[in-house]
C-alpha atoms as a PDB file:
ATOM      1  CA  MET A   1     103.975  30.413  38.456  1.00  0.00           C
ATOM      2  CA  PHE A   2     103.375  32.397  35.314  1.00  0.00           C
ATOM      3  CA  GLN A   3     105.240  35.161  33.540  1.00  0.00           C
ATOM      4  CA  VAL A   4     104.339  37.653  30.827  1.00  0.00           C
ATOM      5  CA  ILE A   5     107.052  38.154  28.218  1.00  0.00           C
ATOM      6  CA  GLU A   6     106.455  41.324  26.241  1.00  0.00           C
ATOM      7  CA  SER A   7     107.227  41.922  22.560  1.00  0.00           C
ATOM      8  CA  VAL A   8     108.281  38.404  21.642  1.00  0.00           C
ATOM      9  CA  LEU A   9     107.213  39.437  18.151  1.00  0.00           C
ATOM     10  CA  SER A  10     107.150  42.994  16.829  1.00  0.00           C
ATOM     11  CA  LYS A  11     103.921  44.467  15.465  1.00  0.00           C
ATOM     12  CA  GLN A  12     105.297  44.090  11.935  1.00  0.00           C
ATOM     13  CA  GLU A  13     106.128  40.444  12.549  1.00  0.00           C
ATOM     14  CA  VAL A  14     102.593  39.867  13.854  1.00  0.00           C
ATOM     15  CA  THR A  15     101.138  41.522  10.740  1.00  0.00           C
ATOM     16  CA  ASP A  16     103.303  39.313   8.525  1.00  0.00           C
ATOM     17  CA  PHE A  17     102.160  36.198  10.433  1.00  0.00           C
ATOM     18  CA  LEU A  18      98.475  37.057  10.029  1.00  0.00           C
ATOM     19  CA  GLU A  19      98.860  37.805   6.325  1.00  0.00           C
ATOM     20  CA  ARG A  20     100.535  34.456   5.695  1.00  0.00           C
ATOM     21  CA  MET A  21      97.835  32.630   7.667  1.00  0.00           C
ATOM     22  CA  GLN A  22      95.106  33.948   5.382  1.00  0.00           C
ATOM     23  CA  THR A  23      96.076  31.419   2.722  1.00  0.00           C
ATOM     24  CA  ALA A  24      96.724  28.522   5.110  1.00  0.00           C
ATOM     25  CA  PRO A  25      94.306  25.625   5.761  1.00  0.00           C
ATOM     26  CA  TRP A  26      92.474  25.527   9.092  1.00  0.00           C
ATOM     27  CA  MET A  27      90.995  22.386  10.654  1.00  0.00           C
ATOM     28  CA  ASP A  28      88.673  21.446  13.514  1.00  0.00           C
ATOM     29  CA  GLY A  29      90.713  21.849  16.699  1.00  0.00           C
ATOM     30  CA  SER A  30      88.868  19.081  18.540  1.00  0.00           C
ATOM     31  CA  LYS A  31      90.606  16.514  16.326  1.00  0.00           C
ATOM     32  CA  THR A  32      93.888  17.197  18.115  1.00  0.00           C
ATOM     33  CA  ALA A  33      92.438  17.109  21.643  1.00  0.00           C
ATOM     34  CA  GLY A  34      92.646  14.196  24.050  1.00  0.00           C
ATOM     35  CA  SER A  35      89.587  12.063  24.743  1.00  0.00           C
ATOM     36  CA  LEU A  36      88.518  14.121  27.764  1.00  0.00           C
ATOM     37  CA  ALA A  37      89.277  17.519  26.210  1.00  0.00           C
ATOM     38  CA  GLN A  38      87.367  16.905  22.971  1.00  0.00           C
ATOM     39  CA  SER A  39      84.030  17.610  24.616  1.00  0.00           C
ATOM     40  CA  VAL A  40      85.127  21.078  25.844  1.00  0.00           C
ATOM     41  CA  LYS A  41      87.206  22.221  22.859  1.00  0.00           C
ATOM     42  CA  GLN A  42      85.646  24.294  20.081  1.00  0.00           C
ATOM     43  CA  ASN A  43      88.133  26.140  17.890  1.00  0.00           C
ATOM     44  CA  LEU A  44      90.118  25.933  14.667  1.00  0.00           C
ATOM     45  CA  GLN A  45      93.787  25.025  14.305  1.00  0.00           C
ATOM     46  CA  LEU A  46      96.221  25.645  11.511  1.00  0.00           C
ATOM     47  CA  ASP A  47      97.065  22.383   9.763  1.00  0.00           C
ATOM     48  CA  ASP A  48     100.452  21.440  11.265  1.00  0.00           C
ATOM     49  CA  GLU A  49     101.513  19.728   8.061  1.00  0.00           C
ATOM     50  CA  CYS A  50     101.243  22.784   5.810  1.00  0.00           C
ATOM     51  CA  ASP A  51     104.408  24.665   4.882  1.00  0.00           C
ATOM     52  CA  ILE A  52     103.135  27.946   6.328  1.00  0.00           C
ATOM     53  CA  ALA A  53     102.496  26.432   9.767  1.00  0.00           C
ATOM     54  CA  ARG A  54     105.902  24.754   9.841  1.00  0.00           C
ATOM     55  CA  SER A  55     107.692  27.924   8.752  1.00  0.00           C
ATOM     56  CA  LEU A  56     105.955  30.126  11.318  1.00  0.00           C
ATOM     57  CA  SER A  57     106.489  27.512  14.008  1.00  0.00           C
ATOM     58  CA  ARG A  58     110.237  27.389  13.353  1.00  0.00           C
ATOM     59  CA  TYR A  59     110.385  31.198  13.380  1.00  0.00           C
ATOM     60  CA  ILE A  60     108.763  31.387  16.816  1.00  0.00           C
ATOM     61  CA  GLU A  61     111.021  28.694  18.213  1.00  0.00           C
ATOM     62  CA  SER A  62     114.212  30.406  17.019  1.00  0.00           C
ATOM     63  CA  THR A  63     112.932  33.797  18.225  1.00  0.00           C
ATOM     64  CA  LEU A  64     112.259  32.442  21.705  1.00  0.00           C
ATOM     65  CA  LEU A  65     115.662  30.781  21.918  1.00  0.00           C
ATOM     66  CA  ALA A  66     117.168  34.228  21.277  1.00  0.00           C
ATOM     67  CA  ASN A  67     114.988  35.911  23.934  1.00  0.00           C
ATOM     68  CA  PRO A  68     116.997  36.295  27.189  1.00  0.00           C
ATOM     69  CA  GLN A  69     113.928  36.494  29.443  1.00  0.00           C
ATOM     70  CA  PHE A  70     112.382  33.360  27.986  1.00  0.00           C
ATOM     71  CA  VAL A  71     115.635  31.405  28.201  1.00  0.00           C
ATOM     72  CA  SER A  72     116.213  32.561  31.782  1.00  0.00           C
ATOM     73  CA  MET A  73     112.757  31.498  32.897  1.00  0.00           C
ATOM     74  CA  ALA A  74     112.160  28.345  30.869  1.00  0.00           C
ATOM     75  CA  LEU A  75     115.711  26.977  30.591  1.00  0.00           C
ATOM     76  CA  PRO A  76     114.444  25.215  27.460  1.00  0.00           C
ATOM     77  CA  ASP A  77     115.623  21.749  26.549  1.00  0.00           C
ATOM     78  CA  THR A  78     113.046  20.630  23.955  1.00  0.00           C
ATOM     79  CA  PHE A  79     110.120  22.359  22.248  1.00  0.00           C
ATOM     80  CA  TYR A  80     106.932  20.702  21.201  1.00  0.00           C
ATOM     81  CA  PRO A  81     106.595  22.689  17.957  1.00  0.00           C
ATOM     82  CA  PRO A  82     104.426  25.817  18.284  1.00  0.00           C
ATOM     83  CA  LYS A  83     100.900  25.434  16.915  1.00  0.00           C
ATOM     84  CA  PHE A  84      98.265  28.019  15.953  1.00  0.00           C
ATOM     85  CA  ASN A  85      94.604  28.325  16.893  1.00  0.00           C
ATOM     86  CA  LEU A  86      91.646  30.543  16.069  1.00  0.00           C
ATOM     87  CA  TYR A  87      88.573  31.198  18.208  1.00  0.00           C
ATOM     88  CA  GLN A  88      85.444  32.871  16.814  1.00  0.00           C
ATOM     89  CA  ASN A  89      81.623  32.616  16.898  1.00  0.00           C
ATOM     90  CA  GLY A  90      81.519  31.461  20.518  1.00  0.00           C
ATOM     91  CA  GLY A  91      84.569  29.218  20.162  1.00  0.00           C
ATOM     92  CA  HIS A  92      86.132  28.258  23.479  1.00  0.00           C
ATOM     93  CA  TYR A  93      88.218  25.657  25.283  1.00  0.00           C
ATOM     94  CA  GLY A  94      86.771  24.594  28.626  1.00  0.00           C
ATOM     95  CA  VAL A  95      88.692  23.832  31.804  1.00  0.00           C
ATOM     96  CA  HIS A  96      91.440  21.296  31.196  1.00  0.00           C
ATOM     97  CA  VAL A  97      95.016  20.396  32.043  1.00  0.00           C
ATOM     98  CA  ASP A  98      97.657  19.816  29.386  1.00  0.00           C
ATOM     99  CA  SER A  99      99.025  16.320  28.848  1.00  0.00           C
ATOM    100  CA  ALA A 100     102.149  15.574  30.874  1.00  0.00           C
ATOM    101  CA  VAL A 101     103.984  13.859  28.017  1.00  0.00           C
ATOM    102  CA  LEU A 102     103.691  14.602  24.295  1.00  0.00           C
ATOM    103  CA  VAL A 103     105.235  12.887  21.294  1.00  0.00           C
ATOM    104  CA  HIS A 104     107.166  15.225  19.014  1.00  0.00           C
ATOM    105  CA  PRO A 105     105.470  15.080  15.597  1.00  0.00           C
ATOM    106  CA  TYR A 106     108.720  15.055  13.602  1.00  0.00           C
ATOM    107  CA  THR A 107     111.177  13.110  15.780  1.00  0.00           C
ATOM    108  CA  ASN A 108     108.816  10.828  17.769  1.00  0.00           C
ATOM    109  CA  GLN A 109     110.778  11.929  20.829  1.00  0.00           C
ATOM    110  CA  ARG A 110     108.833  12.084  24.088  1.00  0.00           C
ATOM    111  CA  VAL A 111     108.548  15.662  25.357  1.00  0.00           C
ATOM    112  CA  ARG A 112     107.679  16.285  28.996  1.00  0.00           C
ATOM    113  CA  ALA A 113     105.383  19.315  29.168  1.00  0.00           C
ATOM    114  CA  ASP A 114     106.826  21.416  31.979  1.00  0.00           C
ATOM    115  CA  LEU A 115     105.716  24.800  30.644  1.00  0.00           C
ATOM    116  CA  SER A 116     102.863  25.933  28.435  1.00  0.00           C
ATOM    117  CA  ALA A 117     102.808  29.189  26.501  1.00  0.00           C
ATOM    118  CA  THR A 118     100.347  31.294  24.536  1.00  0.00           C
ATOM    119  CA  LEU A 119     101.656  33.927  22.138  1.00  0.00           C
ATOM    120  CA  PHE A 120      98.869  36.353  21.241  1.00  0.00           C
ATOM    121  CA  LEU A 121      98.619  37.380  17.567  1.00  0.00           C
ATOM    122  CA  THR A 122      95.487  39.567  17.583  1.00  0.00           C
ATOM    123  CA  GLU A 123      95.027  42.772  19.555  1.00  0.00           C
ATOM    124  CA  PRO A 124      92.763  42.469  22.622  1.00  0.00           C
ATOM    125  CA  ASP A 125      90.402  45.224  21.449  1.00  0.00           C
ATOM    126  CA  SER A 126      89.749  43.387  18.156  1.00  0.00           C
ATOM    127  CA  TYR A 127      87.670  40.653  19.831  1.00  0.00           C
ATOM    128  CA  GLU A 128      85.364  40.202  22.817  1.00  0.00           C
ATOM    129  CA  GLY A 129      85.869  37.381  25.298  1.00  0.00           C
ATOM    130  CA  GLY A 130      88.663  34.909  24.719  1.00  0.00           C
ATOM    131  CA  GLU A 131      90.449  35.502  28.013  1.00  0.00           C
ATOM    132  CA  LEU A 132      92.898  32.790  29.053  1.00  0.00           C
ATOM    133  CA  GLN A 133      92.022  31.822  32.610  1.00  0.00           C
ATOM    134  CA  ILE A 134      94.769  30.121  34.625  1.00  0.00           C
ATOM    135  CA  ASP A 135      94.297  28.625  38.086  1.00  0.00           C
ATOM    136  CA  THR A 136      97.566  29.533  39.786  1.00  0.00           C
ATOM    137  CA  GLY A 137      96.731  27.728  43.013  1.00  0.00           C
ATOM    138  CA  MET A 138      96.322  31.127  44.654  1.00  0.00           C
ATOM    139  CA  GLY A 139      93.360  32.235  42.569  1.00  0.00           C
ATOM    140  CA  VAL A 140      92.332  32.404  38.930  1.00  0.00           C
ATOM    141  CA  GLN A 141      94.109  34.894  36.693  1.00  0.00           C
ATOM    142  CA  GLU A 142      92.597  36.198  33.430  1.00  0.00           C
ATOM    143  CA  ILE A 143      95.095  36.889  30.656  1.00  0.00           C
ATOM    144  CA  LYS A 144      94.423  38.872  27.470  1.00  0.00           C
ATOM    145  CA  LEU A 145      97.625  40.362  26.099  1.00  0.00           C
ATOM    146  CA  PRO A 146      98.607  42.694  23.251  1.00  0.00           C
ATOM    147  CA  ALA A 147      99.576  41.050  19.980  1.00  0.00           C
ATOM    148  CA  GLY A 148     103.198  39.903  20.140  1.00  0.00           C
ATOM    149  CA  ASP A 149     103.204  39.308  23.907  1.00  0.00           C
ATOM    150  CA  MET A 150     103.339  35.849  25.474  1.00  0.00           C
ATOM    151  CA  ILE A 151     102.248  34.210  28.718  1.00  0.00           C
ATOM    152  CA  LEU A 152     104.380  31.343  30.053  1.00  0.00           C
ATOM    153  CA  TYR A 153     102.937  29.129  32.807  1.00  0.00           C
ATOM    154  CA  SER A 154     103.086  25.704  34.402  1.00  0.00           C
ATOM    155  CA  SER A 155     101.604  22.955  32.215  1.00  0.00           C
ATOM    156  CA  GLY A 156     100.137  21.375  35.337  1.00  0.00           C
ATOM    157  CA  SER A 157      97.768  24.314  35.897  1.00  0.00           C
ATOM    158  CA  LEU A 158      94.066  24.039  35.170  1.00  0.00           C
ATOM    159  CA  HIS A 159      93.175  26.601  32.521  1.00  0.00           C
ATOM    160  CA  GLN A 160      90.587  27.498  29.889  1.00  0.00           C
ATOM    161  CA  VAL A 161      89.877  29.929  27.047  1.00  0.00           C
ATOM    162  CA  LEU A 162      86.581  31.759  27.505  1.00  0.00           C
ATOM    163  CA  PRO A 163      84.152  32.009  24.556  1.00  0.00           C
ATOM    164  CA  VAL A 164      84.974  34.573  21.877  1.00  0.00           C
ATOM    165  CA  ILE A 165      81.649  36.288  21.250  1.00  0.00           C
ATOM    166  CA  LYS A 166      82.845  38.850  18.688  1.00  0.00           C
ATOM    167  CA  GLY A 167      85.793  39.019  16.314  1.00  0.00           C
ATOM    168  CA  GLN A 168      88.648  36.525  16.094  1.00  0.00           C
ATOM    169  CA  ARG A 169      91.274  35.501  18.613  1.00  0.00           C
ATOM    170  CA  ILE A 170      94.355  34.059  16.906  1.00  0.00           C
ATOM    171  CA  ALA A 171      97.332  32.806  18.887  1.00  0.00           C
ATOM    172  CA  SER A 172     100.230  30.406  18.887  1.00  0.00           C
ATOM    173  CA  PHE A 173     100.468  27.853  21.672  1.00  0.00           C
ATOM    174  CA  MET A 174     103.282  25.515  22.627  1.00  0.00           C
ATOM    175  CA  TRP A 175     104.896  23.373  25.291  1.00  0.00           C
ATOM    176  CA  VAL A 176     108.455  23.274  26.572  1.00  0.00           C
ATOM    177  CA  GLN A 177     110.474  20.611  28.324  1.00  0.00           C
ATOM    178  CA  SER A 178     112.885  22.400  30.628  1.00  0.00           C
ATOM    179  CA  MET A 179     116.417  21.358  31.533  1.00  0.00           C
ATOM    180  CA  VAL A 180     115.234  21.742  35.145  1.00  0.00           C
ATOM    181  CA  LYS A 181     112.132  19.668  35.843  1.00  0.00           C
ATOM    182  CA  ASN A 182     111.273  21.060  39.285  1.00  0.00           C
ATOM    183  CA  GLU A 183     109.263  24.293  39.129  1.00  0.00           C
ATOM    184  CA  ASN A 184     110.549  25.671  42.433  1.00  0.00           C
ATOM    185  CA  GLU A 185     114.141  25.118  41.355  1.00  0.00           C
ATOM    186  CA  ARG A 186     113.459  26.823  38.020  1.00  0.00           C
ATOM    187  CA  THR A 187     111.896  29.774  39.822  1.00  0.00           C
ATOM    188  CA  MET A 188     114.884  30.180  42.138  1.00  0.00           C
ATOM    189  CA  LEU A 189     117.299  30.034  39.207  1.00  0.00           C
ATOM    190  CA  TYR A 190     115.247  32.656  37.348  1.00  0.00           C
ATOM    191  CA  GLN A 191     115.217  34.978  40.358  1.00  0.00           C
ATOM    192  CA  LEU A 192     118.949  34.536  40.878  1.00  0.00           C
ATOM    193  CA  ASP A 193     119.687  35.166  37.197  1.00  0.00           C
ATOM    194  CA  GLN A 194     117.542  38.308  37.167  1.00  0.00           C
ATOM    195  CA  SER A 195     119.390  39.602  40.240  1.00  0.00           C
ATOM    196  CA  ILE A 196     122.752  38.921  38.586  1.00  0.00           C
ATOM    197  CA  GLN A 197     121.691  40.718  35.394  1.00  0.00           C
ATOM    198  CA  GLY A 198     120.367  43.677  37.395  1.00  0.00           C
ATOM    199  CA  LEU A 199     123.586  43.980  39.391  1.00  0.00           C
ATOM    200  CA  ARG A 200     125.689  43.712  36.215  1.00  0.00           C
ATOM    201  CA  LYS A 201     123.799  46.676  34.712  1.00  0.00           C
ATOM    202  CA  GLN A 202     124.263  48.732  37.875  1.00  0.00           C
ATOM    203  CA  LEU A 203     127.951  47.972  38.244  1.00  0.00           C
ATOM    204  CA  GLY A 204     128.842  48.491  34.593  1.00  0.00           C
ATOM    205  CA  THR A 205     132.592  48.160  34.115  1.00  0.00           C
ATOM    206  CA  GLN A 206     132.932  46.853  37.664  1.00  0.00           C
ATOM    207  CA  SER A 207     130.873  43.772  36.747  1.00  0.00           C
ATOM    208  CA  GLN A 208     133.856  41.470  37.284  1.00  0.00           C
ATOM    209  CA  GLN A 209     134.110  42.174  40.980  1.00  0.00           C
ATOM    210  CA  ALA A 210     134.357  39.147  43.261  1.00  0.00           C
ATOM    211  CA  GLU A 211     130.836  39.233  44.743  1.00  0.00           C
ATOM    212  CA  LEU A 212     129.163  39.192  41.329  1.00  0.00           C
ATOM    213  CA  LEU A 213     131.449  36.436  40.127  1.00  0.00           C
ATOM    214  CA  GLN A 214     130.513  34.385  43.187  1.00  0.00           C
ATOM    215  CA  LEU A 215     126.817  34.808  42.443  1.00  0.00           C
ATOM    216  CA  THR A 216     127.420  33.770  38.842  1.00  0.00           C
ATOM    217  CA  GLU A 217     129.366  30.743  40.051  1.00  0.00           C
ATOM    218  CA  LEU A 218     126.488  29.846  42.374  1.00  0.00           C
ATOM    219  CA  TYR A 219     123.958  30.123  39.545  1.00  0.00           C
ATOM    220  CA  HIS A 220     125.866  27.801  37.241  1.00  0.00           C
ATOM    221  CA  ASN A 221     126.621  25.290  39.979  1.00  0.00           C
ATOM    222  CA  LEU A 222     122.951  25.151  40.965  1.00  0.00           C
ATOM    223  CA  LEU A 223     121.981  24.746  37.322  1.00  0.00           C
ATOM    224  CA  ARG A 224     124.567  21.985  36.973  1.00  0.00           C
ATOM    225  CA  HIS A 225     123.162  20.283  40.096  1.00  0.00           C
ATOM    226  CA  TRP A 226     119.495  20.556  39.131  1.00  0.00           C
ATOM    227  CA  CYS A 227     119.790  20.063  35.387  1.00  0.00           C
ATOM    228  CA  LYS A 228     118.514  16.723  34.133  1.00  0.00           C
ATOM    229  CA  SER A 229     121.179  14.203  33.173  1.00  0.00           C
END
């Protein structure tokens, strides 16, 4: 399962991000890869320890927690702090799968990677290549979104970033531990929540009628049943 979430950041916010990154230190991205991924990873990453990276990371996290579509789909419990990468001059990241469990860099808490996300920060026509390819189990999808848009997908999916042969591809990437571990259960809750929200808009002032309240009750009871203890 994957979902595009549009306009996570406005164009002005993206511009502000890129301007702040110009003075930030970048490092070899392979240094943060696992032993198997190091051989297929060629990019740069913003130094996680610098103040700019931490500030931008916190901004993205708080923005996502205020985004109804993201919250409905991810049901976020814990973030692994958003990071930032840059691909240029043939930079790429070959086929790999994300680690199942990560250690939070600030709390040392174990974070189960249920969902992965890429938030694009450069416009697709400003670089060539750099598509994010995700194996959905029903075929490979190529993703290259406008700046400010995000793709959210299962961390268990094989994926890769194709070589950037011209320009620069800058993005933020992150992982989320969900309150609901099972992907199928999360998907059903998302579909039910979207139906409830759609009906509420249609009904307007009648949104308290019994049928809608019953659906809302069902949603919360399923969430209560499937939510991790």
